[in-house]
Amino acid sequence: IFGTSGSNDDDMQEALDMSFAGKINPAAMITHIGGLDSAAETLLNYPQIPGGKKMVYAQISMPMTAIADFAELGKNDPFYQDLADICAKHNNLWSKEAEDYLLANAKAI
């Protein structure tokens, strides 16, 4: 899966080529994960939210949450602890494994 935030076709192809060659890791740009119910607030406050890309999953309910905060939130919520553990296995980056866990375990909308 690869996304774009408005690049032209040539830039997108270059990004794909660099990713497939192992020169860049697009997952490093994702810093926050949230559900559809977090999208409006995130967009309204985007300039004040630090970090990189904010990924919204339309089929779940979840506040926009920094990946870096999963471990702290996990002290009181096993859902976030599991996400923290999964991300830790992937250099604290979002991954297919984390996405699969999220989609299987987050509150559905």
N, C-alpha and C. Protein backbone atom coordinates (compact mmCIF):
# COMPACT_ATOMS: atom_id res chain seq x y z
N ILE A 1 0.85 -1.17 0.00
CA ILE A 1 0.00 0.00 0.00
C ILE A 1 0.89 1.23 0.00
N PHE A 2 0.54 2.17 -0.84
CA PHE A 2 1.34 3.39 -0.94
C PHE A 2 0.37 4.54 -1.13
N GLY A 3 0.55 5.63 -0.42
CA GLY A 3 -0.33 6.78 -0.53
C GLY A 3 0.42 8.00 -1.01
N THR A 4 -0.35 8.99 -1.40
CA THR A 4 0.23 10.24 -1.86
C THR A 4 -0.57 11.40 -1.27
N SER A 5 0.08 12.49 -1.09
CA SER A 5 -0.61 13.69 -0.62
C SER A 5 -0.59 14.75 -1.71
N GLY A 6 -0.74 14.32 -2.94
CA GLY A 6 -0.86 15.25 -4.04
C GLY A 6 0.30 15.31 -5.00
N SER A 7 1.22 14.39 -4.93
CA SER A 7 2.37 14.39 -5.83
C SER A 7 1.94 14.13 -7.26
N ASN A 8 2.77 14.58 -8.21
CA ASN A 8 2.46 14.26 -9.61
C ASN A 8 2.93 12.83 -9.91
N ASP A 9 2.59 12.33 -11.07
CA ASP A 9 2.90 10.94 -11.42
C ASP A 9 4.40 10.64 -11.39
N ASP A 10 5.21 11.56 -11.89
CA ASP A 10 6.66 11.34 -11.90
C ASP A 10 7.22 11.25 -10.49
N ASP A 11 6.77 12.14 -9.61
CA ASP A 11 7.23 12.11 -8.22
C ASP A 11 6.79 10.83 -7.52
N MET A 12 5.56 10.41 -7.80
CA MET A 12 5.05 9.18 -7.19
C MET A 12 5.86 7.98 -7.67
N GLN A 13 6.18 7.93 -8.95
CA GLN A 13 6.97 6.82 -9.47
C GLN A 13 8.36 6.81 -8.86
N GLU A 14 8.96 8.00 -8.72
CA GLU A 14 10.28 8.08 -8.09
C GLU A 14 10.23 7.60 -6.64
N ALA A 15 9.19 7.98 -5.92
CA ALA A 15 9.04 7.53 -4.53
C ALA A 15 8.88 6.02 -4.46
N LEU A 16 8.09 5.46 -5.37
CA LEU A 16 7.92 4.00 -5.41
C LEU A 16 9.25 3.32 -5.70
N ASP A 17 9.97 3.82 -6.69
CA ASP A 17 11.27 3.23 -7.05
C ASP A 17 12.24 3.28 -5.87
N MET A 18 12.29 4.41 -5.19
CA MET A 18 13.20 4.55 -4.05
C MET A 18 12.78 3.63 -2.90
N SER A 19 11.48 3.49 -2.70
CA SER A 19 10.99 2.61 -1.64
C SER A 19 11.34 1.16 -1.95
N PHE A 20 11.07 0.73 -3.17
CA PHE A 20 11.36 -0.66 -3.55
C PHE A 20 12.86 -0.95 -3.52
N ALA A 21 13.68 0.07 -3.76
CA ALA A 21 15.13 -0.10 -3.72
C ALA A 21 15.69 -0.03 -2.30
N GLY A 22 14.81 0.23 -1.33
CA GLY A 22 15.25 0.31 0.06
C GLY A 22 15.95 1.61 0.42
N LYS A 23 15.80 2.63 -0.42
CA LYS A 23 16.46 3.91 -0.16
C LYS A 23 15.67 4.79 0.80
N ILE A 24 14.36 4.59 0.85
CA ILE A 24 13.50 5.31 1.79
C ILE A 24 12.53 4.33 2.41
N ASN A 25 12.03 4.66 3.58
CA ASN A 25 11.02 3.85 4.25
C ASN A 25 9.83 4.76 4.54
N PRO A 26 8.78 4.69 3.72
CA PRO A 26 7.63 5.57 3.91
C PRO A 26 6.99 5.45 5.29
N ALA A 27 7.12 4.30 5.93
CA ALA A 27 6.52 4.12 7.26
C ALA A 27 7.10 5.10 8.27
N ALA A 28 8.30 5.58 8.04
CA ALA A 28 8.93 6.52 8.97
C ALA A 28 8.20 7.86 9.00
N MET A 29 7.41 8.14 7.98
CA MET A 29 6.69 9.41 7.93
C MET A 29 5.39 9.38 8.73
N ILE A 30 4.87 8.20 9.04
CA ILE A 30 3.61 8.07 9.77
C ILE A 30 3.90 8.18 11.26
N THR A 31 3.28 9.18 11.90
CA THR A 31 3.52 9.40 13.32
C THR A 31 2.27 9.25 14.18
N HIS A 32 1.10 9.30 13.57
CA HIS A 32 -0.15 9.24 14.31
C HIS A 32 -1.14 8.32 13.60
N ILE A 33 -1.97 7.66 14.41
CA ILE A 33 -3.01 6.77 13.91
C ILE A 33 -4.32 7.14 14.58
N GLY A 34 -5.40 7.16 13.80
CA GLY A 34 -6.70 7.47 14.38
C GLY A 34 -7.83 6.88 13.56
N GLY A 35 -9.01 6.97 14.12
CA GLY A 35 -10.21 6.50 13.44
C GLY A 35 -10.92 7.65 12.74
N LEU A 36 -11.99 7.30 12.04
CA LEU A 36 -12.75 8.30 11.30
C LEU A 36 -13.25 9.42 12.20
N ASP A 37 -13.61 9.06 13.43
CA ASP A 37 -14.12 10.07 14.36
C ASP A 37 -13.06 11.07 14.81
N SER A 38 -11.82 10.84 14.48
CA SER A 38 -10.75 11.79 14.82
C SER A 38 -10.37 12.69 13.65
N ALA A 39 -10.91 12.42 12.47
CA ALA A 39 -10.46 13.11 11.26
C ALA A 39 -10.76 14.61 11.27
N ALA A 40 -11.98 15.00 11.61
CA ALA A 40 -12.34 16.42 11.55
C ALA A 40 -11.50 17.25 12.52
N GLU A 41 -11.39 16.79 13.76
CA GLU A 41 -10.59 17.53 14.75
C GLU A 41 -9.12 17.59 14.33
N THR A 42 -8.63 16.50 13.78
CA THR A 42 -7.23 16.47 13.33
C THR A 42 -7.01 17.49 12.22
N LEU A 43 -7.91 17.54 11.26
CA LEU A 43 -7.76 18.51 10.17
C LEU A 43 -7.85 19.95 10.67
N LEU A 44 -8.77 20.21 11.59
CA LEU A 44 -8.92 21.56 12.12
C LEU A 44 -7.70 22.02 12.92
N ASN A 45 -7.02 21.07 13.55
CA ASN A 45 -5.89 21.39 14.41
C ASN A 45 -4.55 20.94 13.85
N TYR A 46 -4.51 20.60 12.57
CA TYR A 46 -3.32 20.01 11.98
C TYR A 46 -2.03 20.80 12.25
N PRO A 47 -2.04 22.12 12.12
CA PRO A 47 -0.79 22.86 12.35
C PRO A 47 -0.26 22.75 13.78
N GLN A 48 -1.14 22.47 14.73
CA GLN A 48 -0.72 22.38 16.13
C GLN A 48 -0.32 20.97 16.54
N ILE A 49 -0.54 19.99 15.69
CA ILE A 49 -0.21 18.60 16.03
C ILE A 49 1.18 18.31 15.47
N PRO A 50 2.14 18.05 16.36
CA PRO A 50 3.50 17.79 15.88
C PRO A 50 3.61 16.45 15.16
N GLY A 51 4.70 16.26 14.48
CA GLY A 51 4.96 14.98 13.83
C GLY A 51 4.73 15.02 12.34
N GLY A 52 4.64 13.83 11.79
CA GLY A 52 4.50 13.68 10.35
C GLY A 52 3.08 13.37 9.93
N LYS A 53 2.93 12.35 9.12
CA LYS A 53 1.63 11.99 8.56
C LYS A 53 0.71 11.42 9.62
N LYS A 54 -0.55 11.81 9.52
CA LYS A 54 -1.60 11.29 10.39
C LYS A 54 -2.46 10.35 9.56
N MET A 55 -2.50 9.08 9.92
CA MET A 55 -3.25 8.09 9.16
C MET A 55 -4.61 7.87 9.81
N VAL A 56 -5.67 8.00 9.01
CA VAL A 56 -7.03 7.81 9.48
C VAL A 56 -7.60 6.55 8.86
N TYR A 57 -8.14 5.69 9.71
CA TYR A 57 -8.82 4.47 9.27
C TYR A 57 -10.32 4.72 9.37
N ALA A 58 -11.00 4.71 8.22
CA ALA A 58 -12.41 5.08 8.16
C ALA A 58 -13.35 4.09 8.84
N GLN A 59 -12.90 2.88 9.06
CA GLN A 59 -13.78 1.85 9.60
C GLN A 59 -13.67 1.67 11.11
N ILE A 60 -12.84 2.49 11.78
CA ILE A 60 -12.69 2.34 13.23
C ILE A 60 -12.93 3.65 13.96
N SER A 61 -13.19 3.52 15.26
CA SER A 61 -13.30 4.66 16.17
C SER A 61 -12.05 4.66 17.05
N MET A 62 -11.29 5.75 16.97
CA MET A 62 -10.06 5.86 17.77
C MET A 62 -9.60 7.30 17.74
N PRO A 63 -9.24 7.86 18.89
CA PRO A 63 -8.68 9.22 18.85
C PRO A 63 -7.37 9.23 18.09
N MET A 64 -7.05 10.36 17.49
CA MET A 64 -5.76 10.49 16.81
C MET A 64 -4.68 10.36 17.88
N THR A 65 -3.83 9.37 17.70
CA THR A 65 -2.87 9.01 18.74
C THR A 65 -1.48 8.88 18.15
N ALA A 66 -0.52 9.51 18.79
CA ALA A 66 0.87 9.39 18.35
C ALA A 66 1.37 7.98 18.62
N ILE A 67 2.04 7.39 17.65
CA ILE A 67 2.63 6.07 17.83
C ILE A 67 3.56 6.09 19.05
N ALA A 68 4.24 7.20 19.24
CA ALA A 68 5.16 7.33 20.38
C ALA A 68 4.44 7.29 21.72
N ASP A 69 3.13 7.49 21.73
CA ASP A 69 2.35 7.46 22.97
C ASP A 69 1.73 6.10 23.28
N PHE A 70 1.83 5.15 22.36
CA PHE A 70 1.20 3.85 22.58
C PHE A 70 1.66 3.19 23.87
N ALA A 71 2.94 3.19 24.14
CA ALA A 71 3.46 2.50 25.33
C ALA A 71 2.90 3.11 26.61
N GLU A 72 2.87 4.43 26.69
CA GLU A 72 2.33 5.09 27.89
C GLU A 72 0.85 4.77 28.05
N LEU A 73 0.09 4.87 26.96
CA LEU A 73 -1.33 4.54 27.01
C LEU A 73 -1.54 3.06 27.33
N GLY A 74 -0.60 2.24 26.92
CA GLY A 74 -0.68 0.81 27.16
C GLY A 74 -0.57 0.42 28.62
N LYS A 75 -0.11 1.33 29.46
CA LYS A 75 -0.05 1.03 30.90
C LYS A 75 -1.44 0.81 31.48
N ASN A 76 -2.46 1.39 30.83
CA ASN A 76 -3.84 1.27 31.30
C ASN A 76 -4.77 0.62 30.29
N ASP A 77 -4.26 0.28 29.13
CA ASP A 77 -5.12 -0.26 28.07
C ASP A 77 -4.34 -1.28 27.24
N PRO A 78 -4.73 -2.56 27.34
CA PRO A 78 -3.98 -3.60 26.62
C PRO A 78 -3.98 -3.42 25.10
N PHE A 79 -5.00 -2.78 24.56
CA PHE A 79 -5.05 -2.51 23.12
C PHE A 79 -3.82 -1.69 22.70
N TYR A 80 -3.57 -0.61 23.44
CA TYR A 80 -2.42 0.23 23.11
C TYR A 80 -1.10 -0.46 23.44
N GLN A 81 -1.08 -1.28 24.49
CA GLN A 81 0.14 -2.02 24.81
C GLN A 81 0.50 -2.97 23.68
N ASP A 82 -0.51 -3.65 23.14
CA ASP A 82 -0.26 -4.55 22.02
C ASP A 82 0.27 -3.78 20.81
N LEU A 83 -0.33 -2.62 20.52
CA LEU A 83 0.16 -1.80 19.41
C LEU A 83 1.59 -1.34 19.66
N ALA A 84 1.89 -0.96 20.90
CA ALA A 84 3.26 -0.54 21.24
C ALA A 84 4.24 -1.68 21.03
N ASP A 85 3.87 -2.88 21.46
CA ASP A 85 4.74 -4.04 21.30
C ASP A 85 4.98 -4.36 19.82
N ILE A 86 3.92 -4.28 19.03
CA ILE A 86 4.05 -4.56 17.60
C ILE A 86 4.95 -3.51 16.94
N CYS A 87 4.70 -2.25 17.23
CA CYS A 87 5.51 -1.18 16.63
C CYS A 87 6.97 -1.31 17.06
N ALA A 88 7.20 -1.71 18.31
CA ALA A 88 8.58 -1.88 18.80
C ALA A 88 9.33 -2.92 17.97
N LYS A 89 8.63 -3.94 17.51
CA LYS A 89 9.26 -4.97 16.67
C LYS A 89 9.66 -4.43 15.30
N HIS A 90 9.10 -3.28 14.94
CA HIS A 90 9.34 -2.68 13.62
C HIS A 90 10.01 -1.31 13.77
N ASN A 91 10.98 -1.22 14.69
CA ASN A 91 11.72 0.03 14.91
C ASN A 91 10.81 1.19 15.29
N ASN A 92 9.74 0.89 16.02
CA ASN A 92 8.76 1.89 16.46
C ASN A 92 8.08 2.61 15.30
N LEU A 93 7.91 1.87 14.21
CA LEU A 93 7.22 2.39 13.04
C LEU A 93 5.91 1.63 12.82
N TRP A 94 4.99 2.29 12.14
CA TRP A 94 3.75 1.64 11.75
C TRP A 94 4.08 0.57 10.73
N SER A 95 3.31 -0.51 10.74
CA SER A 95 3.62 -1.65 9.87
C SER A 95 2.33 -2.37 9.48
N LYS A 96 2.46 -3.29 8.55
CA LYS A 96 1.32 -4.12 8.14
C LYS A 96 0.81 -4.92 9.34
N GLU A 97 1.73 -5.41 10.16
CA GLU A 97 1.32 -6.17 11.36
C GLU A 97 0.50 -5.29 12.30
N ALA A 98 0.93 -4.06 12.50
CA ALA A 98 0.19 -3.14 13.37
C ALA A 98 -1.17 -2.82 12.77
N GLU A 99 -1.21 -2.61 11.46
CA GLU A 99 -2.48 -2.33 10.80
C GLU A 99 -3.43 -3.52 10.93
N ASP A 100 -2.93 -4.71 10.71
CA ASP A 100 -3.78 -5.90 10.84
C ASP A 100 -4.35 -6.02 12.25
N TYR A 101 -3.50 -5.77 13.26
CA TYR A 101 -3.97 -5.83 14.65
C TYR A 101 -5.03 -4.75 14.89
N LEU A 102 -4.76 -3.54 14.43
CA LEU A 102 -5.70 -2.43 14.60
C LEU A 102 -7.06 -2.78 14.01
N LEU A 103 -7.07 -3.24 12.78
CA LEU A 103 -8.33 -3.52 12.10
C LEU A 103 -9.09 -4.68 12.74
N ALA A 104 -8.38 -5.61 13.34
CA ALA A 104 -9.02 -6.76 13.99
C ALA A 104 -9.50 -6.44 15.40
N ASN A 105 -8.93 -5.41 16.04
CA ASN A 105 -9.19 -5.20 17.47
C ASN A 105 -9.74 -3.84 17.85
N ALA A 106 -9.68 -2.86 16.98
CA ALA A 106 -10.21 -1.53 17.32
C ALA A 106 -11.73 -1.55 17.26
N LYS A 107 -12.32 -0.59 17.94
CA LYS A 107 -13.78 -0.45 17.93
C LYS A 107 -14.23 -0.07 16.52
N ALA A 108 -15.13 -0.86 15.98
CA ALA A 108 -15.64 -0.59 14.63
C ALA A 108 -16.66 0.55 14.67
N ILE A 109 -16.72 1.27 13.57
CA ILE A 109 -17.75 2.32 13.44
C ILE A 109 -18.95 1.70 12.76
